[in-house]
Amino acid sequence: MTLGNPVLEVGLDGSPPPWLVGRPAPGGSRLERLTAQLREEAADPVDLMIGEAPIGSLDEDGYLAQDLGEIAGALAVELEQVERALRIVQELDPASWRSAP
C-alpha cells in the first residue's frame, strides 16, 4: 500500500518497506547489528568475510577475545587483511564497541 510517504509504506501482505529489508530488528543482538552494519560498510566481499570474525570474537565488554594473528591463521589470510577489516569494524555503531585488543 502506498501512502505517499516511503517511511510509512508497507506491502499489502504486511511486508516491511524496502528500506527496512535486510536490517536487523531494533532489539536484535549486538552481533546482528554489527554484522548488518558491516555488510553496508564493507565494499570488498573479502573484508566482509574477514570482518565477521572479529565481530564474532567480541566479548561482553566489546573487546577482542581472540588475537588478530589467531583470526588470520584460522581464516588463512594475511594479518594485514584482518587489521584492515578490524578498522572497518571499529568504525561501526555503537561507538562504545571499539574492539580494542
N, C-alpha and C. Protein backbone atom coordinates (compact mmCIF):
# COMPACT_ATOMS: atom_id res chain seq x y z
N MET A 1 0.86 -1.16 0.00
CA MET A 1 0.00 0.00 0.00
C MET A 1 0.91 1.23 0.00
N THR A 2 0.60 2.20 -0.84
CA THR A 2 1.39 3.41 -0.94
C THR A 2 0.64 4.55 -0.27
N LEU A 3 1.29 5.19 0.67
CA LEU A 3 0.67 6.29 1.42
C LEU A 3 1.27 7.64 1.05
N GLY A 4 2.13 7.67 0.02
CA GLY A 4 2.77 8.91 -0.36
C GLY A 4 3.98 9.25 0.50
N ASN A 5 4.28 8.40 1.47
CA ASN A 5 5.42 8.62 2.35
C ASN A 5 6.16 7.28 2.44
N PRO A 6 7.37 7.20 1.87
CA PRO A 6 8.08 5.91 1.86
C PRO A 6 8.34 5.35 3.24
N VAL A 7 8.37 6.20 4.25
CA VAL A 7 8.60 5.72 5.61
C VAL A 7 7.41 4.91 6.10
N LEU A 8 6.23 5.23 5.61
CA LEU A 8 5.02 4.56 6.06
C LEU A 8 4.57 3.43 5.15
N GLU A 9 5.21 3.24 4.02
CA GLU A 9 4.76 2.24 3.06
C GLU A 9 5.01 0.83 3.57
N VAL A 10 4.02 0.00 3.41
CA VAL A 10 4.12 -1.44 3.69
C VAL A 10 3.42 -2.17 2.58
N GLY A 11 3.82 -3.40 2.35
CA GLY A 11 3.16 -4.20 1.35
C GLY A 11 1.78 -4.62 1.82
N LEU A 12 0.93 -4.95 0.86
CA LEU A 12 -0.41 -5.42 1.22
C LEU A 12 -0.36 -6.69 2.06
N ASP A 13 0.72 -7.43 1.90
CA ASP A 13 0.87 -8.66 2.67
C ASP A 13 1.52 -8.40 4.03
N GLY A 14 1.74 -7.14 4.37
CA GLY A 14 2.35 -6.80 5.65
C GLY A 14 3.86 -6.79 5.62
N SER A 15 4.46 -6.98 4.43
CA SER A 15 5.92 -6.99 4.33
C SER A 15 6.48 -5.60 4.65
N PRO A 16 7.71 -5.56 5.14
CA PRO A 16 8.30 -4.27 5.52
C PRO A 16 8.63 -3.44 4.27
N PRO A 17 8.77 -2.14 4.44
CA PRO A 17 9.16 -1.29 3.32
C PRO A 17 10.56 -1.66 2.85
N PRO A 18 10.87 -1.38 1.58
CA PRO A 18 12.17 -1.78 1.03
C PRO A 18 13.36 -1.27 1.83
N TRP A 19 13.26 -0.08 2.42
CA TRP A 19 14.39 0.47 3.15
C TRP A 19 14.67 -0.27 4.45
N LEU A 20 13.74 -1.14 4.89
CA LEU A 20 13.97 -1.93 6.11
C LEU A 20 14.45 -3.34 5.82
N VAL A 21 14.31 -3.79 4.58
CA VAL A 21 14.69 -5.15 4.24
C VAL A 21 16.19 -5.32 4.44
N GLY A 22 16.57 -6.37 5.14
CA GLY A 22 17.98 -6.67 5.39
C GLY A 22 18.54 -6.00 6.62
N ARG A 23 17.78 -5.17 7.29
CA ARG A 23 18.25 -4.53 8.52
C ARG A 23 17.77 -5.35 9.72
N PRO A 24 18.58 -5.43 10.75
CA PRO A 24 18.16 -6.18 11.93
C PRO A 24 17.04 -5.45 12.67
N ALA A 25 16.26 -6.19 13.38
CA ALA A 25 15.21 -5.58 14.21
C ALA A 25 15.89 -4.72 15.26
N PRO A 26 15.23 -3.64 15.68
CA PRO A 26 15.84 -2.75 16.67
C PRO A 26 16.33 -3.46 17.92
N GLY A 27 15.66 -4.53 18.31
CA GLY A 27 16.07 -5.24 19.50
C GLY A 27 17.03 -6.37 19.22
N GLY A 28 17.59 -6.44 18.01
CA GLY A 28 18.50 -7.52 17.65
C GLY A 28 19.74 -7.52 18.53
N SER A 29 20.46 -8.60 18.48
CA SER A 29 21.67 -8.71 19.30
C SER A 29 22.76 -7.78 18.76
N ARG A 30 23.72 -7.53 19.60
CA ARG A 30 24.87 -6.71 19.20
C ARG A 30 25.54 -7.32 17.98
N LEU A 31 25.69 -8.64 17.98
CA LEU A 31 26.31 -9.33 16.85
C LEU A 31 25.52 -9.08 15.57
N GLU A 32 24.19 -9.18 15.63
CA GLU A 32 23.35 -8.95 14.45
C GLU A 32 23.46 -7.51 13.96
N ARG A 33 23.45 -6.57 14.88
CA ARG A 33 23.52 -5.15 14.49
C ARG A 33 24.87 -4.83 13.86
N LEU A 34 25.95 -5.29 14.46
CA LEU A 34 27.27 -5.02 13.91
C LEU A 34 27.47 -5.70 12.57
N THR A 35 27.00 -6.93 12.43
CA THR A 35 27.15 -7.65 11.17
C THR A 35 26.36 -6.96 10.07
N ALA A 36 25.15 -6.50 10.37
CA ALA A 36 24.35 -5.78 9.38
C ALA A 36 25.05 -4.49 8.95
N GLN A 37 25.63 -3.78 9.90
CA GLN A 37 26.36 -2.55 9.57
C GLN A 37 27.59 -2.86 8.72
N LEU A 38 28.28 -3.94 9.07
CA LEU A 38 29.46 -4.33 8.30
C LEU A 38 29.09 -4.62 6.86
N ARG A 39 27.96 -5.27 6.65
CA ARG A 39 27.51 -5.57 5.28
C ARG A 39 27.28 -4.29 4.48
N GLU A 40 26.87 -3.23 5.15
CA GLU A 40 26.65 -1.95 4.47
C GLU A 40 27.96 -1.20 4.23
N GLU A 41 28.92 -1.34 5.13
CA GLU A 41 30.15 -0.56 5.07
C GLU A 41 31.27 -1.20 4.25
N ALA A 42 31.36 -2.51 4.27
CA ALA A 42 32.48 -3.20 3.61
C ALA A 42 32.23 -3.28 2.11
N ALA A 43 33.00 -2.54 1.34
CA ALA A 43 32.85 -2.54 -0.12
C ALA A 43 33.42 -3.82 -0.73
N ASP A 44 34.41 -4.38 -0.08
CA ASP A 44 35.09 -5.57 -0.58
C ASP A 44 34.51 -6.81 0.10
N PRO A 45 34.05 -7.80 -0.68
CA PRO A 45 33.49 -9.02 -0.07
C PRO A 45 34.49 -9.75 0.83
N VAL A 46 35.77 -9.61 0.54
CA VAL A 46 36.78 -10.26 1.38
C VAL A 46 36.83 -9.57 2.74
N ASP A 47 36.76 -8.23 2.75
CA ASP A 47 36.71 -7.50 4.02
C ASP A 47 35.47 -7.89 4.82
N LEU A 48 34.37 -8.10 4.14
CA LEU A 48 33.14 -8.51 4.81
C LEU A 48 33.34 -9.87 5.47
N MET A 49 33.86 -10.82 4.73
CA MET A 49 34.08 -12.16 5.28
C MET A 49 35.05 -12.13 6.45
N ILE A 50 36.14 -11.38 6.30
CA ILE A 50 37.14 -11.31 7.37
C ILE A 50 36.59 -10.52 8.55
N GLY A 51 35.84 -9.45 8.29
CA GLY A 51 35.32 -8.60 9.35
C GLY A 51 34.33 -9.31 10.27
N GLU A 52 33.67 -10.34 9.76
CA GLU A 52 32.73 -11.08 10.60
C GLU A 52 33.45 -11.83 11.72
N ALA A 53 34.71 -12.20 11.50
CA ALA A 53 35.45 -12.94 12.53
C ALA A 53 35.72 -12.10 13.78
N PRO A 54 36.24 -10.88 13.65
CA PRO A 54 36.41 -10.07 14.86
C PRO A 54 35.09 -9.76 15.56
N ILE A 55 34.04 -9.54 14.80
CA ILE A 55 32.74 -9.27 15.42
C ILE A 55 32.32 -10.47 16.25
N GLY A 56 32.50 -11.66 15.71
CA GLY A 56 32.15 -12.88 16.44
C GLY A 56 33.05 -13.15 17.63
N SER A 57 34.20 -12.48 17.65
CA SER A 57 35.17 -12.69 18.72
C SER A 57 35.07 -11.65 19.83
N LEU A 58 34.11 -10.73 19.74
CA LEU A 58 33.99 -9.70 20.78
C LEU A 58 33.43 -10.30 22.07
N ASP A 59 34.04 -9.91 23.19
CA ASP A 59 33.49 -10.36 24.48
C ASP A 59 32.37 -9.42 24.91
N GLU A 60 31.82 -9.63 26.07
CA GLU A 60 30.68 -8.84 26.55
C GLU A 60 31.01 -7.37 26.73
N ASP A 61 32.30 -7.05 26.91
CA ASP A 61 32.72 -5.67 27.09
C ASP A 61 33.11 -5.00 25.78
N GLY A 62 33.03 -5.74 24.67
CA GLY A 62 33.36 -5.19 23.37
C GLY A 62 34.81 -5.31 22.97
N TYR A 63 35.57 -6.12 23.69
CA TYR A 63 36.98 -6.33 23.37
C TYR A 63 37.16 -7.65 22.66
N LEU A 64 38.21 -7.71 21.83
CA LEU A 64 38.50 -8.96 21.13
C LEU A 64 38.91 -10.03 22.12
N ALA A 65 38.29 -11.18 21.99
CA ALA A 65 38.62 -12.30 22.85
C ALA A 65 39.66 -13.20 22.18
N GLN A 66 39.99 -12.89 20.95
CA GLN A 66 40.93 -13.70 20.18
C GLN A 66 41.98 -12.78 19.58
N ASP A 67 43.21 -13.23 19.53
CA ASP A 67 44.31 -12.47 18.95
C ASP A 67 44.13 -12.34 17.44
N LEU A 68 44.49 -11.19 16.88
CA LEU A 68 44.35 -10.99 15.43
C LEU A 68 45.14 -12.01 14.63
N GLY A 69 46.29 -12.41 15.14
CA GLY A 69 47.09 -13.43 14.47
C GLY A 69 46.36 -14.77 14.41
N GLU A 70 45.65 -15.10 15.50
CA GLU A 70 44.86 -16.34 15.52
C GLU A 70 43.72 -16.27 14.51
N ILE A 71 43.08 -15.10 14.42
CA ILE A 71 42.00 -14.94 13.45
C ILE A 71 42.54 -15.09 12.03
N ALA A 72 43.69 -14.46 11.76
CA ALA A 72 44.30 -14.56 10.43
C ALA A 72 44.64 -16.02 10.11
N GLY A 73 45.20 -16.73 11.08
CA GLY A 73 45.55 -18.12 10.86
C GLY A 73 44.33 -18.99 10.61
N ALA A 74 43.27 -18.76 11.38
CA ALA A 74 42.05 -19.55 11.22
C ALA A 74 41.40 -19.31 9.87
N LEU A 75 41.52 -18.08 9.35
CA LEU A 75 40.91 -17.75 8.06
C LEU A 75 41.87 -17.96 6.89
N ALA A 76 43.12 -18.28 7.19
CA ALA A 76 44.16 -18.46 6.18
C ALA A 76 44.32 -17.19 5.33
N VAL A 77 44.40 -16.04 6.02
CA VAL A 77 44.62 -14.76 5.34
C VAL A 77 45.78 -14.05 6.04
N GLU A 78 46.27 -13.00 5.41
CA GLU A 78 47.36 -12.22 5.98
C GLU A 78 46.85 -11.39 7.16
N LEU A 79 47.71 -11.16 8.13
CA LEU A 79 47.38 -10.34 9.29
C LEU A 79 46.92 -8.95 8.86
N GLU A 80 47.56 -8.39 7.84
CA GLU A 80 47.20 -7.04 7.37
C GLU A 80 45.74 -6.99 6.90
N GLN A 81 45.25 -8.09 6.32
CA GLN A 81 43.85 -8.13 5.88
C GLN A 81 42.91 -8.09 7.08
N VAL A 82 43.27 -8.79 8.14
CA VAL A 82 42.44 -8.79 9.36
C VAL A 82 42.48 -7.40 9.99
N GLU A 83 43.64 -6.78 10.01
CA GLU A 83 43.76 -5.43 10.58
C GLU A 83 42.91 -4.43 9.80
N ARG A 84 42.90 -4.54 8.46
CA ARG A 84 42.09 -3.65 7.63
C ARG A 84 40.60 -3.85 7.93
N ALA A 85 40.17 -5.10 8.01
CA ALA A 85 38.77 -5.39 8.32
C ALA A 85 38.40 -4.91 9.72
N LEU A 86 39.32 -5.05 10.66
CA LEU A 86 39.08 -4.60 12.03
C LEU A 86 38.88 -3.09 12.08
N ARG A 87 39.63 -2.35 11.27
CA ARG A 87 39.45 -0.89 11.23
C ARG A 87 38.03 -0.53 10.80
N ILE A 88 37.47 -1.29 9.88
CA ILE A 88 36.08 -1.07 9.45
C ILE A 88 35.15 -1.35 10.62
N VAL A 89 35.36 -2.47 11.30
CA VAL A 89 34.52 -2.85 12.44
C VAL A 89 34.58 -1.80 13.53
N GLN A 90 35.74 -1.24 13.77
CA GLN A 90 35.91 -0.25 14.84
C GLN A 90 35.14 1.04 14.57
N GLU A 91 34.76 1.28 13.33
CA GLU A 91 34.00 2.48 12.98
C GLU A 91 32.49 2.28 13.07
N LEU A 92 32.05 1.07 13.35
CA LEU A 92 30.62 0.78 13.42
C LEU A 92 30.03 1.30 14.71
N ASP A 93 28.70 1.49 14.71
CA ASP A 93 27.98 1.91 15.91
C ASP A 93 27.50 0.70 16.67
N PRO A 94 27.34 0.76 17.94
CA PRO A 94 27.60 1.91 18.79
C PRO A 94 29.09 2.14 18.97
N ALA A 95 29.42 3.40 19.13
CA ALA A 95 30.83 3.79 19.23
C ALA A 95 31.55 3.14 20.40
N SER A 96 30.83 2.71 21.39
CA SER A 96 31.47 2.11 22.57
C SER A 96 32.08 0.74 22.27
N TRP A 97 31.64 0.10 21.18
CA TRP A 97 32.20 -1.21 20.83
C TRP A 97 33.37 -0.99 19.92
N ARG A 98 34.53 -0.76 20.45
CA ARG A 98 35.70 -0.45 19.64
C ARG A 98 36.63 -1.62 19.41
N SER A 99 36.31 -2.76 19.93
CA SER A 99 37.09 -3.98 19.75
C SER A 99 38.59 -3.76 19.88
N ALA A 100 38.98 -3.05 20.91
CA ALA A 100 40.40 -2.82 21.16
C ALA A 100 41.04 -4.11 21.68
N PRO A 101 42.27 -4.38 21.27
CA PRO A 101 42.93 -5.60 21.75
C PRO A 101 43.25 -5.53 23.22
